[in-house]
Structure formats: C-alpha cells, structure tokens
Amino acid sequence: MAGLRPWREVVTPHPDVASGRYQQAEFAADLWQVYKGRASSEYGDPVEFFRRTFLAAGLKDLLVRAVHRLSGKALIPVVELQTNFGGGKTHSMLALFHLFSGHHKKDFPGLEIVFDEAKCELAKDVRRVVIVGNKISPGQPDKKDDGTVVRTLWGELALATWR
C-alpha cells in the first residue's frame, strides 16, 4: 500500500488518549449512566455529545426520521437498530435521547444537516423513556423512590410514560 500514511499522521488522538490518561470505561457508552446523570460529559452532555459525534449516513437518517415522526409526520413508528457489536446501536440511542432533551436545535453543533433535511422543528415536550433490560430483574418487584412498586417491563414503561 504505497503512499498510505499511518493513522497517527492523519488523525490526532484526543490529548487524554495520546497521553494515556484516559479511563477505558469512558470509551464504552452507557445509556443507563447517561439517563441517571452519572456519565462523563462526552456522553452525558447533549451539546458535547453532538460536538464529538460524526453523523454517518445511517445516524443522520435515524435522526431525520425521528424529527419527522415526533413532529407529526406519518412515518413508520418503530425502528429496529440492527448492527454488529460496536456498530453504533448505543450511540444511536444516545443521539435520540439527547436530540429530544429539551434543547433548542441551534444548541446542537453539526446537526444543521439533520434539520435542513427534516424541514421541520424539533417537537417540544417530548417524554423520553429509558428502559435498559439488564437493569430490570425478572420476577423481582422494584420499589421506586416515590413508593410505587413495579413488577414487569410493561409496568416500567407505563410508569415512565405516566410521570
């Protein structure tokens, strides 16, 4: 491969990576940690998240379709994220979670192409629901902070949409 330069000559790693001062866990996005407000700013802060996110065609399409759907345009309401390990499923869910975080679209650097293609405004007052399967114990009732006891996945969903 004559002429192909090493990747470190083409792309400069983030300073914490280049110096070896990073936490391995920071490279694994965790929707539950973001939802609970315990994630690093790279994943937990919507503006910082989109500042660092490259909008590949599939992610851009997902966001455009979500903006359309939640703005009342009649499109398919179910999206199946189907990729290999490391293919971006969690990143896609984080992008959707942050996109509808209540921020104004002008707050999101790099998403201009999404809004230009969608040709509509972000829906207001979107109620986000996060259910992470390995955080729910089958057959084990979960007592919430307000005293409500939830026994099933459907109960989790009902409670999340009711609040």
Protein backbone atom coordinates (compact mmCIF):
# COMPACT_ATOMS: atom_id res chain seq x y z
CA MET A 1 0.00 0.00 0.00
CA ALA A 2 2.43 2.58 -1.19
CA GLY A 3 1.56 6.09 -0.12
CA LEU A 4 -0.77 5.07 2.73
CA ARG A 5 0.30 7.02 5.80
CA PRO A 6 -0.04 5.69 9.39
CA TRP A 7 -3.31 6.73 11.02
CA ARG A 8 -1.49 8.76 13.72
CA GLU A 9 -0.12 11.01 10.97
CA VAL A 10 -3.62 11.57 9.58
CA VAL A 11 -5.69 11.82 12.77
CA THR A 12 -4.54 13.34 16.03
CA PRO A 13 -5.89 11.46 19.06
CA HIS A 14 -7.64 13.36 21.81
CA PRO A 15 -4.99 14.60 24.32
CA ASP A 16 -6.08 12.23 27.11
CA VAL A 17 -5.79 9.26 24.73
CA ALA A 18 -2.42 10.36 23.36
CA SER A 19 -1.04 10.77 26.89
CA GLY A 20 -2.51 7.50 28.18
CA ARG A 21 -4.55 9.32 30.87
CA TYR A 22 -7.95 8.02 29.86
CA GLN A 23 -10.35 5.64 31.55
CA GLN A 24 -11.16 2.58 29.44
CA ALA A 25 -14.77 2.77 30.67
CA GLU A 26 -15.13 6.21 29.06
CA PHE A 27 -14.95 4.56 25.65
CA ALA A 28 -18.00 2.43 26.37
CA ALA A 29 -21.17 4.47 26.07
CA ASP A 30 -23.74 3.53 28.69
CA LEU A 31 -27.31 4.69 28.17
CA TRP A 32 -28.21 3.92 31.79
CA GLN A 33 -25.37 6.07 33.14
CA VAL A 34 -26.43 8.93 30.84
CA TYR A 35 -30.06 8.58 31.92
CA LYS A 36 -29.08 8.60 35.60
CA GLY A 37 -26.84 11.66 35.11
CA ARG A 38 -23.65 9.78 36.01
CA ALA A 39 -21.90 9.70 32.62
CA SER A 40 -18.86 11.71 31.56
CA SER A 41 -19.63 14.91 29.65
CA GLU A 42 -18.61 13.28 26.36
CA TYR A 43 -21.70 11.10 26.63
CA GLY A 44 -23.87 12.85 29.21
CA ASP A 45 -23.94 16.45 27.98
CA PRO A 46 -26.11 16.76 24.84
CA VAL A 47 -24.12 19.65 23.33
CA GLU A 48 -20.75 18.00 23.99
CA PHE A 49 -22.07 14.66 22.73
CA PHE A 50 -23.08 16.11 19.36
CA ARG A 51 -19.92 18.21 19.15
CA ARG A 52 -17.93 14.96 19.23
CA THR A 53 -20.29 12.83 17.11
CA PHE A 54 -19.69 12.18 13.42
CA LEU A 55 -23.01 11.98 11.61
CA ALA A 56 -22.65 8.88 9.45
CA ALA A 57 -25.43 8.44 6.87
CA GLY A 58 -27.32 5.90 8.99
CA LEU A 59 -27.27 8.05 12.12
CA LYS A 60 -28.32 11.15 10.18
CA ASP A 61 -31.20 9.22 8.62
CA LEU A 62 -32.32 7.93 12.02
CA LEU A 63 -32.34 11.45 13.48
CA VAL A 64 -34.19 12.91 10.50
CA ARG A 65 -36.84 10.18 10.73
CA ALA A 66 -37.21 10.79 14.49
CA VAL A 67 -37.65 14.54 13.98
CA HIS A 68 -40.29 13.83 11.32
CA ARG A 69 -42.13 11.27 13.42
CA LEU A 70 -42.26 13.39 16.57
CA SER A 71 -43.30 16.45 14.58
CA GLY A 72 -46.44 14.65 13.46
CA LYS A 73 -45.45 13.45 10.02
CA ALA A 74 -46.87 10.00 9.33
CA LEU A 75 -43.85 7.74 9.16
CA ILE A 76 -43.10 4.28 10.49
CA PRO A 77 -43.13 4.47 14.31
CA VAL A 78 -40.79 1.55 15.00
CA VAL A 79 -37.08 1.49 14.24
CA GLU A 80 -35.03 -1.67 14.55
CA LEU A 81 -31.36 -0.96 15.25
CA GLN A 82 -29.53 -3.88 13.71
CA THR A 83 -25.75 -3.74 13.64
CA ASN A 84 -22.81 -5.86 14.67
CA PHE A 85 -21.06 -5.46 18.01
CA GLY A 86 -19.55 -1.99 18.03
CA GLY A 87 -21.85 -0.90 15.22
CA GLY A 88 -23.37 2.12 16.91
CA LYS A 89 -26.63 0.95 18.50
CA THR A 90 -25.95 2.60 21.85
CA HIS A 91 -24.58 5.72 20.19
CA SER A 92 -27.78 5.92 18.12
CA MET A 93 -29.94 5.61 21.23
CA LEU A 94 -27.87 8.29 22.98
CA ALA A 95 -28.26 10.57 19.95
CA LEU A 96 -32.05 10.18 20.08
CA PHE A 97 -32.09 10.67 23.86
CA HIS A 98 -30.07 13.89 23.56
CA LEU A 99 -31.83 15.20 20.46
CA PHE A 100 -35.09 15.37 22.41
CA SER A 101 -33.54 16.64 25.66
CA GLY A 102 -35.36 19.96 25.52
CA HIS A 103 -32.51 21.95 23.99
CA HIS A 104 -33.13 24.21 21.01
CA LYS A 105 -31.83 22.87 17.71
CA LYS A 106 -29.37 25.77 17.45
CA ASP A 107 -27.62 24.34 20.53
CA PHE A 108 -26.51 21.23 18.65
CA PRO A 109 -23.31 21.72 16.65
CA GLY A 110 -23.17 19.65 13.49
CA LEU A 111 -26.87 18.80 13.32
CA GLU A 112 -27.75 21.55 10.86
CA ILE A 113 -27.86 18.92 8.10
CA VAL A 114 -30.47 16.94 10.06
CA PHE A 115 -32.76 19.94 10.49
CA ASP A 116 -32.20 21.11 6.90
CA GLU A 117 -33.25 17.70 5.60
CA ALA A 118 -36.13 17.28 8.07
CA LYS A 119 -37.57 20.70 7.16
CA CYS A 120 -39.46 20.91 10.45
CA GLU A 121 -38.95 21.98 14.02
CA LEU A 122 -38.00 19.78 16.94
CA ALA A 123 -41.10 18.62 18.78
CA LYS A 124 -41.48 20.23 22.18
CA ASP A 125 -42.19 18.43 25.45
CA VAL A 126 -41.13 15.00 24.22
CA ARG A 127 -41.35 12.44 27.02
CA ARG A 128 -38.25 10.27 26.85
CA VAL A 129 -38.34 6.76 28.30
CA VAL A 130 -35.22 4.73 29.05
CA ILE A 131 -35.52 1.04 29.76
CA VAL A 132 -32.28 -0.91 29.96
CA GLY A 133 -33.04 -4.63 30.10
CA ASN A 134 -30.17 -5.70 32.33
CA LYS A 135 -31.24 -3.11 34.94
CA ILE A 136 -34.59 -4.88 35.42
CA SER A 137 -34.71 -8.16 37.37
CA PRO A 138 -37.40 -10.55 36.05
CA GLY A 139 -39.81 -11.58 38.78
CA GLN A 140 -38.26 -9.09 41.23
CA PRO A 141 -40.56 -6.18 42.13
CA ASP A 142 -38.83 -2.80 42.04
CA LYS A 143 -39.86 -0.19 44.59
CA LYS A 144 -39.36 3.30 43.17
CA ASP A 145 -38.37 6.38 45.17
CA ASP A 146 -42.00 7.52 45.37
CA GLY A 147 -43.13 4.13 46.79
CA THR A 148 -44.61 2.79 43.55
CA VAL A 149 -43.91 -0.94 43.08
CA VAL A 150 -43.27 -2.09 39.52
CA ARG A 151 -43.34 -5.80 38.67
CA THR A 152 -42.98 -6.02 34.88
CA LEU A 153 -41.36 -4.42 31.85
CA TRP A 154 -44.81 -3.08 30.91
CA GLY A 155 -45.09 -1.54 34.36
CA GLU A 156 -41.74 0.20 33.86
CA LEU A 157 -42.95 1.57 30.53
CA ALA A 158 -46.33 2.64 31.93
CA LEU A 159 -44.74 4.39 34.91
CA ALA A 160 -42.17 6.15 32.73
CA THR A 161 -44.81 7.47 30.33
CA TRP A 162 -47.22 8.40 33.14
CA ARG A 163 -44.79 10.63 35.02
